[in-house]
Amino acid sequence: MKRISRRQFIGLGLGALPAIAGLDARFAEPTWLRVSRLEVNSKPSCRFLQFSDLHYKGDADYASKIVRIINTLAPDFVCFTGDLIEEARFAPAALDFIRQIARPVYGCPGNWDYEARADFREYEKAFRATGGEWLEDGSVFLPRHELEIFGAGMRGERTFPPLTAKRRLLLIHYPILVERLADRRYDLILAGHSHGGQVRVPFYGALVLPYGVGPYEMGRYESLGGPLYVNAGLGTYLVPFRFNCRPELTVVTL
């Protein structure tokens, strides 16, 4: 066999990188789950999990994997920040996976849940079956954790009753909504929607972001309403690709 020089070897490797990256973006990263950790303070009294943007399209194996990991992590409760589906025909199966989560699940709607014209009465049944609640412009108080969870829908945070709980958690879908809060402060705000951009170029960031993200692409930020965390989501939209932006489950201590 003819030997190749080091320069030729490096050249061949660099030439293959686009193909490798393409395979990774299409077949590996879209279901290569990662678990991130968010510690809001040094003396937490509850531990919960956030997931977002499932965009369920019939991949039952992937959804089952997500449920298994959530149940293995055994949080006190689970928060969902919108976009369960894109088409109403997938709602029954997606809600069945919600019911399989072995902890109370509290969720708010995303833009695709509205655009799919999903029946939120069925969402309410599924989330309550876990011991949680579907929060479309509503709130629920958890006495054990002295925590009130607010979930914003289309009408937004201005519809909420006065804040009275010792600790407050806000669930929103669009991250940009943190700039439109009604002079209220929360211990933590959770959002989704951005998908982290799905395709992120090293040292640059997301190539494309949807409307409603603003400067809050992914991860933790400080806002006037309190600490904000933007989850990178579990599913994909428009194109089934992820690169340098793996799907995320976030374990939060508060």
C-alpha atoms as a PDB file:
ATOM      1  CA  MET A   1       0.000   0.000   0.000  1.00  0.00           C
ATOM      2  CA  LYS A   2       1.175   3.481  -0.841  1.00  0.00           C
ATOM      3  CA  ARG A   3       1.802   5.638   2.192  1.00  0.00           C
ATOM      4  CA  ILE A   4       0.329   9.133   2.285  1.00  0.00           C
ATOM      5  CA  SER A   5       1.999  12.123   3.823  1.00  0.00           C
ATOM      6  CA  ARG A   6       0.805  13.766   7.026  1.00  0.00           C
ATOM      7  CA  ARG A   7      -0.331  16.779   5.002  1.00  0.00           C
ATOM      8  CA  GLN A   8      -2.367  14.552   2.679  1.00  0.00           C
ATOM      9  CA  PHE A   9      -3.874  12.743   5.668  1.00  0.00           C
ATOM     10  CA  ILE A  10      -4.931  16.023   7.272  1.00  0.00           C
ATOM     11  CA  GLY A  11      -6.312  17.218   3.960  1.00  0.00           C
ATOM     12  CA  LEU A  12      -8.405  14.079   3.558  1.00  0.00           C
ATOM     13  CA  GLY A  13      -9.676  14.446   7.116  1.00  0.00           C
ATOM     14  CA  LEU A  14     -10.675  18.072   6.603  1.00  0.00           C
ATOM     15  CA  GLY A  15     -12.374  17.168   3.351  1.00  0.00           C
ATOM     16  CA  ALA A  16     -14.437  14.523   5.140  1.00  0.00           C
ATOM     17  CA  LEU A  17     -15.519  16.854   7.952  1.00  0.00           C
ATOM     18  CA  PRO A  18     -18.596  18.288   6.147  1.00  0.00           C
ATOM     19  CA  ALA A  19     -19.888  14.788   5.415  1.00  0.00           C
ATOM     20  CA  ILE A  20     -19.278  13.656   9.008  1.00  0.00           C
ATOM     21  CA  ALA A  21     -20.939  16.789  10.366  1.00  0.00           C
ATOM     22  CA  GLY A  22     -23.905  16.234   8.069  1.00  0.00           C
ATOM     23  CA  LEU A  23     -24.359  12.659   9.247  1.00  0.00           C
ATOM     24  CA  ASP A  24     -24.074  13.788  12.860  1.00  0.00           C
ATOM     25  CA  ALA A  25     -26.611  16.585  12.353  1.00  0.00           C
ATOM     26  CA  ARG A  26     -29.144  14.298  10.692  1.00  0.00           C
ATOM     27  CA  PHE A  27     -28.773  10.931  12.413  1.00  0.00           C
ATOM     28  CA  ALA A  28     -26.947  11.389  15.735  1.00  0.00           C
ATOM     29  CA  GLU A  29     -27.608  14.681  17.497  1.00  0.00           C
ATOM     30  CA  PRO A  30     -31.406  14.943  17.003  1.00  0.00           C
ATOM     31  CA  THR A  31     -31.933  12.130  19.545  1.00  0.00           C
ATOM     32  CA  TRP A  32     -28.614  12.314  21.465  1.00  0.00           C
ATOM     33  CA  LEU A  33     -30.049  13.510  24.759  1.00  0.00           C
ATOM     34  CA  ARG A  34     -28.050  15.450  27.286  1.00  0.00           C
ATOM     35  CA  VAL A  35     -28.943  16.240  30.879  1.00  0.00           C
ATOM     36  CA  SER A  36     -27.883  19.708  32.011  1.00  0.00           C
ATOM     37  CA  ARG A  37     -27.868  21.012  35.578  1.00  0.00           C
ATOM     38  CA  LEU A  38     -29.042  24.376  36.841  1.00  0.00           C
ATOM     39  CA  GLU A  39     -28.479  25.419  40.461  1.00  0.00           C
ATOM     40  CA  VAL A  40     -30.386  28.571  41.319  1.00  0.00           C
ATOM     41  CA  ASN A  41     -29.151  28.896  44.894  1.00  0.00           C
ATOM     42  CA  SER A  42     -26.792  27.141  47.276  1.00  0.00           C
ATOM     43  CA  LYS A  43     -29.484  25.857  49.661  1.00  0.00           C
ATOM     44  CA  PRO A  44     -32.148  24.279  47.457  1.00  0.00           C
ATOM     45  CA  SER A  45     -35.333  22.771  48.859  1.00  0.00           C
ATOM     46  CA  CYS A  46     -36.703  21.229  45.680  1.00  0.00           C
ATOM     47  CA  ARG A  47     -35.303  19.504  42.629  1.00  0.00           C
ATOM     48  CA  PHE A  48     -37.313  19.415  39.437  1.00  0.00           C
ATOM     49  CA  LEU A  49     -36.865  18.896  35.707  1.00  0.00           C
ATOM     50  CA  GLN A  50     -37.646  21.022  32.669  1.00  0.00           C
ATOM     51  CA  PHE A  51     -38.300  19.761  29.166  1.00  0.00           C
ATOM     52  CA  SER A  52     -39.578  21.652  26.163  1.00  0.00           C
ATOM     53  CA  ASP A  53     -40.447  21.568  22.458  1.00  0.00           C
ATOM     54  CA  LEU A  54     -40.989  17.851  21.920  1.00  0.00           C
ATOM     55  CA  HIS A  55     -42.672  18.452  18.531  1.00  0.00           C
ATOM     56  CA  TYR A  56     -43.849  14.846  18.597  1.00  0.00           C
ATOM     57  CA  LYS A  57     -44.203  13.442  15.086  1.00  0.00           C
ATOM     58  CA  GLY A  58     -44.540   9.734  15.771  1.00  0.00           C
ATOM     59  CA  ASP A  59     -41.060   8.729  17.002  1.00  0.00           C
ATOM     60  CA  ALA A  60     -42.284   6.484  19.811  1.00  0.00           C
ATOM     61  CA  ASP A  61     -38.836   5.043  20.579  1.00  0.00           C
ATOM     62  CA  TYR A  62     -37.384   8.501  21.182  1.00  0.00           C
ATOM     63  CA  ALA A  63     -40.343   9.604  23.304  1.00  0.00           C
ATOM     64  CA  SER A  64     -40.083   6.410  25.391  1.00  0.00           C
ATOM     65  CA  LYS A  65     -36.385   7.079  25.922  1.00  0.00           C
ATOM     66  CA  ILE A  66     -37.174  10.589  27.174  1.00  0.00           C
ATOM     67  CA  VAL A  67     -39.769   9.264  29.633  1.00  0.00           C
ATOM     68  CA  ARG A  68     -37.368   6.582  30.916  1.00  0.00           C
ATOM     69  CA  ILE A  69     -34.647   9.141  31.595  1.00  0.00           C
ATOM     70  CA  ILE A  70     -37.053  11.520  33.349  1.00  0.00           C
ATOM     71  CA  ASN A  71     -38.358   8.715  35.552  1.00  0.00           C
ATOM     72  CA  THR A  72     -34.823   7.514  36.327  1.00  0.00           C
ATOM     73  CA  LEU A  73     -33.793  11.026  37.396  1.00  0.00           C
ATOM     74  CA  ALA A  74     -36.789  11.028  39.787  1.00  0.00           C
ATOM     75  CA  PRO A  75     -37.320  14.797  40.218  1.00  0.00           C
ATOM     76  CA  ASP A  76     -39.853  16.191  42.686  1.00  0.00           C
ATOM     77  CA  PHE A  77     -41.919  17.392  39.726  1.00  0.00           C
ATOM     78  CA  VAL A  78     -41.571  18.196  36.028  1.00  0.00           C
ATOM     79  CA  CYS A  79     -42.126  21.408  34.042  1.00  0.00           C
ATOM     80  CA  PHE A  80     -42.950  21.581  30.345  1.00  0.00           C
ATOM     81  CA  THR A  81     -42.598  24.843  28.414  1.00  0.00           C
ATOM     82  CA  GLY A  82     -44.621  24.288  25.271  1.00  0.00           C
ATOM     83  CA  ASP A  83     -44.817  22.802  21.767  1.00  0.00           C
ATOM     84  CA  LEU A  84     -45.818  19.229  22.481  1.00  0.00           C
ATOM     85  CA  ILE A  85     -46.934  18.682  18.874  1.00  0.00           C
ATOM     86  CA  GLU A  86     -47.161  20.365  15.471  1.00  0.00           C
ATOM     87  CA  GLU A  87     -50.230  18.467  14.212  1.00  0.00           C
ATOM     88  CA  ALA A  88     -53.340  17.615  16.223  1.00  0.00           C
ATOM     89  CA  ARG A  89     -53.317  13.992  14.992  1.00  0.00           C
ATOM     90  CA  PHE A  90     -50.208  13.340  17.089  1.00  0.00           C
ATOM     91  CA  ALA A  91     -51.708  14.721  20.317  1.00  0.00           C
ATOM     92  CA  PRO A  92     -53.221  11.455  21.676  1.00  0.00           C
ATOM     93  CA  ALA A  93     -49.924   9.574  21.448  1.00  0.00           C
ATOM     94  CA  ALA A  94     -47.907  12.507  22.812  1.00  0.00           C
ATOM     95  CA  LEU A  95     -50.268  12.861  25.774  1.00  0.00           C
ATOM     96  CA  ASP A  96     -49.917   9.149  26.483  1.00  0.00           C
ATOM     97  CA  PHE A  97     -46.201   9.743  26.991  1.00  0.00           C
ATOM     98  CA  ILE A  98     -46.986  12.606  29.369  1.00  0.00           C
ATOM     99  CA  ARG A  99     -49.147  10.206  31.403  1.00  0.00           C
ATOM    100  CA  GLN A 100     -46.197   7.797  31.682  1.00  0.00           C
ATOM    101  CA  ILE A 101     -44.093  10.340  33.568  1.00  0.00           C
ATOM    102  CA  ALA A 102     -44.041   9.177  37.175  1.00  0.00           C
ATOM    103  CA  ARG A 103     -44.017  12.663  38.685  1.00  0.00           C
ATOM    104  CA  PRO A 104     -46.481  15.589  38.583  1.00  0.00           C
ATOM    105  CA  VAL A 105     -46.095  17.477  35.309  1.00  0.00           C
ATOM    106  CA  TYR A 106     -46.928  21.191  35.051  1.00  0.00           C
ATOM    107  CA  GLY A 107     -47.005  22.667  31.571  1.00  0.00           C
ATOM    108  CA  CYS A 108     -47.786  25.751  29.518  1.00  0.00           C
ATOM    109  CA  PRO A 109     -48.634  25.937  25.795  1.00  0.00           C
ATOM    110  CA  GLY A 110     -46.344  26.877  22.935  1.00  0.00           C
ATOM    111  CA  ASN A 111     -47.144  28.471  19.609  1.00  0.00           C
ATOM    112  CA  TRP A 112     -47.395  25.103  17.834  1.00  0.00           C
ATOM    113  CA  ASP A 113     -49.915  23.797  20.373  1.00  0.00           C
ATOM    114  CA  TYR A 114     -52.133  26.707  19.361  1.00  0.00           C
ATOM    115  CA  GLU A 115     -51.401  26.450  15.642  1.00  0.00           C
ATOM    116  CA  ALA A 116     -52.250  22.734  15.681  1.00  0.00           C
ATOM    117  CA  ARG A 117     -55.605  23.670  17.247  1.00  0.00           C
ATOM    118  CA  ALA A 118     -55.016  21.075  19.925  1.00  0.00           C
ATOM    119  CA  ASP A 119     -57.832  20.294  22.334  1.00  0.00           C
ATOM    120  CA  PHE A 120     -56.482  21.673  25.595  1.00  0.00           C
ATOM    121  CA  ARG A 121     -59.202  19.814  27.505  1.00  0.00           C
ATOM    122  CA  GLU A 122     -57.301  16.627  26.638  1.00  0.00           C
ATOM    123  CA  TYR A 123     -54.046  18.263  27.722  1.00  0.00           C
ATOM    124  CA  GLU A 124     -55.671  19.087  31.066  1.00  0.00           C
ATOM    125  CA  LYS A 125     -56.743  15.456  31.568  1.00  0.00           C
ATOM    126  CA  ALA A 126     -53.286  14.101  30.750  1.00  0.00           C
ATOM    127  CA  PHE A 127     -51.358  16.534  32.955  1.00  0.00           C
ATOM    128  CA  ARG A 128     -53.770  16.042  35.860  1.00  0.00           C
ATOM    129  CA  ALA A 129     -53.364  12.278  35.509  1.00  0.00           C
ATOM    130  CA  THR A 130     -49.732  12.760  36.574  1.00  0.00           C
ATOM    131  CA  GLY A 131     -50.777  14.809  39.604  1.00  0.00           C
ATOM    132  CA  GLY A 132     -49.820  18.037  37.852  1.00  0.00           C
ATOM    133  CA  GLU A 133     -51.690  20.742  35.934  1.00  0.00           C
ATOM    134  CA  TRP A 134     -51.965  22.267  32.488  1.00  0.00           C
ATOM    135  CA  LEU A 135     -51.400  25.978  33.089  1.00  0.00           C
ATOM    136  CA  GLU A 136     -52.730  28.213  30.340  1.00  0.00           C
ATOM    137  CA  ASP A 137     -52.671  31.640  31.991  1.00  0.00           C
ATOM    138  CA  GLY A 138     -53.018  30.069  35.404  1.00  0.00           C
ATOM    139  CA  SER A 139     -51.118  29.038  38.512  1.00  0.00           C
ATOM    140  CA  VAL A 140     -50.887  26.307  41.118  1.00  0.00           C
ATOM    141  CA  PHE A 141     -49.444  26.376  44.642  1.00  0.00           C
ATOM    142  CA  LEU A 142     -47.243  23.541  45.935  1.00  0.00           C
ATOM    143  CA  PRO A 143     -47.381  23.738  49.762  1.00  0.00           C
ATOM    144  CA  ARG A 144     -44.600  21.194  50.243  1.00  0.00           C
ATOM    145  CA  HIS A 145     -42.131  23.461  48.452  1.00  0.00           C
ATOM    146  CA  GLU A 146     -43.744  26.818  49.358  1.00  0.00           C
ATOM    147  CA  LEU A 147     -43.727  27.408  45.616  1.00  0.00           C
ATOM    148  CA  GLU A 148     -46.284  28.853  43.207  1.00  0.00           C
ATOM    149  CA  ILE A 149     -45.955  27.867  39.543  1.00  0.00           C
ATOM    150  CA  PHE A 150     -47.379  30.219  36.929  1.00  0.00           C
ATOM    151  CA  GLY A 151     -47.929  29.157  33.331  1.00  0.00           C
ATOM    152  CA  ALA A 152     -48.361  31.798  30.613  1.00  0.00           C
ATOM    153  CA  GLY A 153     -50.505  31.264  27.530  1.00  0.00           C
ATOM    154  CA  MET A 154     -51.396  33.644  24.748  1.00  0.00           C
ATOM    155  CA  ARG A 155     -52.779  36.335  27.054  1.00  0.00           C
ATOM    156  CA  GLY A 156     -49.635  36.454  29.108  1.00  0.00           C
ATOM    157  CA  GLU A 157     -48.504  37.211  32.604  1.00  0.00           C
ATOM    158  CA  ARG A 158     -50.753  40.259  33.096  1.00  0.00           C
ATOM    159  CA  THR A 159     -53.715  37.930  33.638  1.00  0.00           C
ATOM    160  CA  PHE A 160     -52.160  36.370  36.751  1.00  0.00           C
ATOM    161  CA  PRO A 161     -53.442  37.105  40.252  1.00  0.00           C
ATOM    162  CA  PRO A 162     -51.234  39.076  42.661  1.00  0.00           C
ATOM    163  CA  LEU A 163     -48.073  37.274  43.728  1.00  0.00           C
ATOM    164  CA  THR A 164     -48.386  36.029  47.302  1.00  0.00           C
ATOM    165  CA  ALA A 165     -46.267  32.862  47.584  1.00  0.00           C
ATOM    166  CA  LYS A 166     -42.840  32.896  49.189  1.00  0.00           C
ATOM    167  CA  ARG A 167     -41.246  31.517  46.018  1.00  0.00           C
ATOM    168  CA  ARG A 168     -42.443  31.852  42.437  1.00  0.00           C
ATOM    169  CA  LEU A 169     -41.648  29.951  39.244  1.00  0.00           C
ATOM    170  CA  LEU A 170     -42.825  31.216  35.846  1.00  0.00           C
ATOM    171  CA  LEU A 171     -43.240  28.995  32.773  1.00  0.00           C
ATOM    172  CA  ILE A 172     -43.283  30.777  29.418  1.00  0.00           C
ATOM    173  CA  HIS A 173     -42.702  29.632  25.863  1.00  0.00           C
ATOM    174  CA  TYR A 174     -41.258  32.708  24.132  1.00  0.00           C
ATOM    175  CA  PRO A 175     -38.053  33.855  25.920  1.00  0.00           C
ATOM    176  CA  ILE A 176     -38.598  37.454  24.772  1.00  0.00           C
ATOM    177  CA  LEU A 177     -41.602  37.676  27.125  1.00  0.00           C
ATOM    178  CA  VAL A 178     -39.198  38.372  29.999  1.00  0.00           C
ATOM    179  CA  GLU A 179     -38.979  41.903  28.599  1.00  0.00           C
ATOM    180  CA  ARG A 180     -42.731  42.367  28.932  1.00  0.00           C
ATOM    181  CA  LEU A 181     -43.367  41.300  32.508  1.00  0.00           C
ATOM    182  CA  ALA A 182     -45.671  43.435  34.616  1.00  0.00           C
ATOM    183  CA  ASP A 183     -43.091  44.629  37.149  1.00  0.00           C
ATOM    184  CA  ARG A 184     -43.073  41.273  38.898  1.00  0.00           C
ATOM    185  CA  ARG A 185     -40.059  39.269  39.948  1.00  0.00           C
ATOM    186  CA  TYR A 186     -39.762  35.495  39.989  1.00  0.00           C
ATOM    187  CA  ASP A 187     -37.231  33.196  41.616  1.00  0.00           C
ATOM    188  CA  LEU A 188     -36.829  31.521  38.221  1.00  0.00           C
ATOM    189  CA  ILE A 189     -38.305  31.820  34.725  1.00  0.00           C
ATOM    190  CA  LEU A 190     -38.217  28.826  32.379  1.00  0.00           C
ATOM    191  CA  ALA A 191     -38.646  29.150  28.605  1.00  0.00           C
ATOM    192  CA  GLY A 192     -38.216  27.138  25.424  1.00  0.00           C
ATOM    193  CA  HIS A 193     -39.071  27.876  21.773  1.00  0.00           C
ATOM    194  CA  SER A 194     -35.548  28.666  20.529  1.00  0.00           C
ATOM    195  CA  HIS A 195     -34.366  25.046  20.117  1.00  0.00           C
ATOM    196  CA  GLY A 196     -30.973  26.656  20.672  1.00  0.00           C
ATOM    197  CA  GLY A 197     -31.097  27.378  16.954  1.00  0.00           C
ATOM    198  CA  GLN A 198     -30.706  23.600  16.258  1.00  0.00           C
ATOM    199  CA  VAL A 199     -27.567  24.304  14.198  1.00  0.00           C
ATOM    200  CA  ARG A 200     -24.857  26.196  16.060  1.00  0.00           C
ATOM    201  CA  VAL A 201     -21.522  27.148  14.545  1.00  0.00           C
ATOM    202  CA  PRO A 202     -18.612  27.025  17.026  1.00  0.00           C
ATOM    203  CA  PHE A 203     -17.511  30.514  18.158  1.00  0.00           C
ATOM    204  CA  TYR A 204     -20.524  32.038  16.380  1.00  0.00           C
ATOM    205  CA  GLY A 205     -23.758  30.551  17.704  1.00  0.00           C
ATOM    206  CA  ALA A 206     -27.099  29.836  16.081  1.00  0.00           C
ATOM    207  CA  LEU A 207     -27.422  30.321  12.340  1.00  0.00           C
ATOM    208  CA  VAL A 208     -31.189  30.878  12.494  1.00  0.00           C
ATOM    209  CA  LEU A 209     -33.576  31.559  15.374  1.00  0.00           C
ATOM    210  CA  PRO A 210     -37.375  31.735  15.364  1.00  0.00           C
ATOM    211  CA  TYR A 211     -39.373  34.848  16.182  1.00  0.00           C
ATOM    212  CA  GLY A 212     -39.837  35.506  19.884  1.00  0.00           C
ATOM    213  CA  VAL A 213     -36.342  34.565  21.079  1.00  0.00           C
ATOM    214  CA  GLY A 214     -34.566  37.918  21.162  1.00  0.00           C
ATOM    215  CA  PRO A 215     -31.079  37.727  22.675  1.00  0.00           C
ATOM    216  CA  TYR A 216     -32.001  34.686  24.796  1.00  0.00           C
ATOM    217  CA  GLU A 217     -30.805  31.821  22.578  1.00  0.00           C
ATOM    218  CA  MET A 218     -30.049  29.083  25.073  1.00  0.00           C
ATOM    219  CA  GLY A 219     -28.947  28.669  28.671  1.00  0.00           C
ATOM    220  CA  ARG A 220     -29.061  31.001  31.666  1.00  0.00           C
ATOM    221  CA  TYR A 221     -29.600  34.755  31.603  1.00  0.00           C
ATOM    222  CA  GLU A 222     -30.399  37.506  34.080  1.00  0.00           C
ATOM    223  CA  SER A 223     -33.546  39.494  33.360  1.00  0.00           C
ATOM    224  CA  LEU A 224     -35.528  42.225  35.104  1.00  0.00           C
ATOM    225  CA  GLY A 225     -38.077  39.569  36.089  1.00  0.00           C
ATOM    226  CA  GLY A 226     -35.491  37.228  37.598  1.00  0.00           C
ATOM    227  CA  PRO A 227     -33.137  34.472  36.426  1.00  0.00           C
ATOM    228  CA  LEU A 228     -34.133  33.035  33.043  1.00  0.00           C
ATOM    229  CA  TYR A 229     -33.248  29.625  31.653  1.00  0.00           C
ATOM    230  CA  VAL A 230     -33.900  28.812  27.983  1.00  0.00           C
ATOM    231  CA  ASN A 231     -34.036  25.084  27.285  1.00  0.00           C
ATOM    232  CA  ALA A 232     -32.711  23.842  23.920  1.00  0.00           C
ATOM    233  CA  GLY A 233     -35.736  21.571  23.468  1.00  0.00           C
ATOM    234  CA  LEU A 234     -36.128  17.911  22.560  1.00  0.00           C
ATOM    235  CA  GLY A 235     -37.517  17.911  19.044  1.00  0.00           C
ATOM    236  CA  THR A 236     -36.841  19.686  15.776  1.00  0.00           C
ATOM    237  CA  TYR A 237     -38.917  21.956  13.565  1.00  0.00           C
ATOM    238  CA  LEU A 238     -38.730  22.781   9.838  1.00  0.00           C
ATOM    239  CA  VAL A 239     -35.689  20.539   9.275  1.00  0.00           C
ATOM    240  CA  PRO A 240     -34.784  17.370  11.244  1.00  0.00           C
ATOM    241  CA  PHE A 241     -31.244  18.520  12.015  1.00  0.00           C
ATOM    242  CA  ARG A 242     -29.225  19.422  15.078  1.00  0.00           C
ATOM    243  CA  PHE A 243     -25.543  20.286  15.098  1.00  0.00           C
ATOM    244  CA  ASN A 244     -23.527  21.359  18.130  1.00  0.00           C
ATOM    245  CA  CYS A 245     -26.902  21.654  19.895  1.00  0.00           C
ATOM    246  CA  ARG A 246     -28.026  18.396  21.430  1.00  0.00           C
ATOM    247  CA  PRO A 247     -31.599  17.979  22.774  1.00  0.00           C
ATOM    248  CA  GLU A 248     -31.817  18.824  26.445  1.00  0.00           C
ATOM    249  CA  LEU A 249     -33.399  17.840  29.727  1.00  0.00           C
ATOM    250  CA  THR A 250     -32.607  20.306  32.521  1.00  0.00           C
ATOM    251  CA  VAL A 251     -32.473  19.305  36.189  1.00  0.00           C
ATOM    252  CA  VAL A 252     -33.069  22.361  38.371  1.00  0.00           C
ATOM    253  CA  THR A 253     -32.402  22.839  42.069  1.00  0.00           C
ATOM    254  CA  LEU A 254     -34.292  25.779  43.582  1.00  0.00           C
END
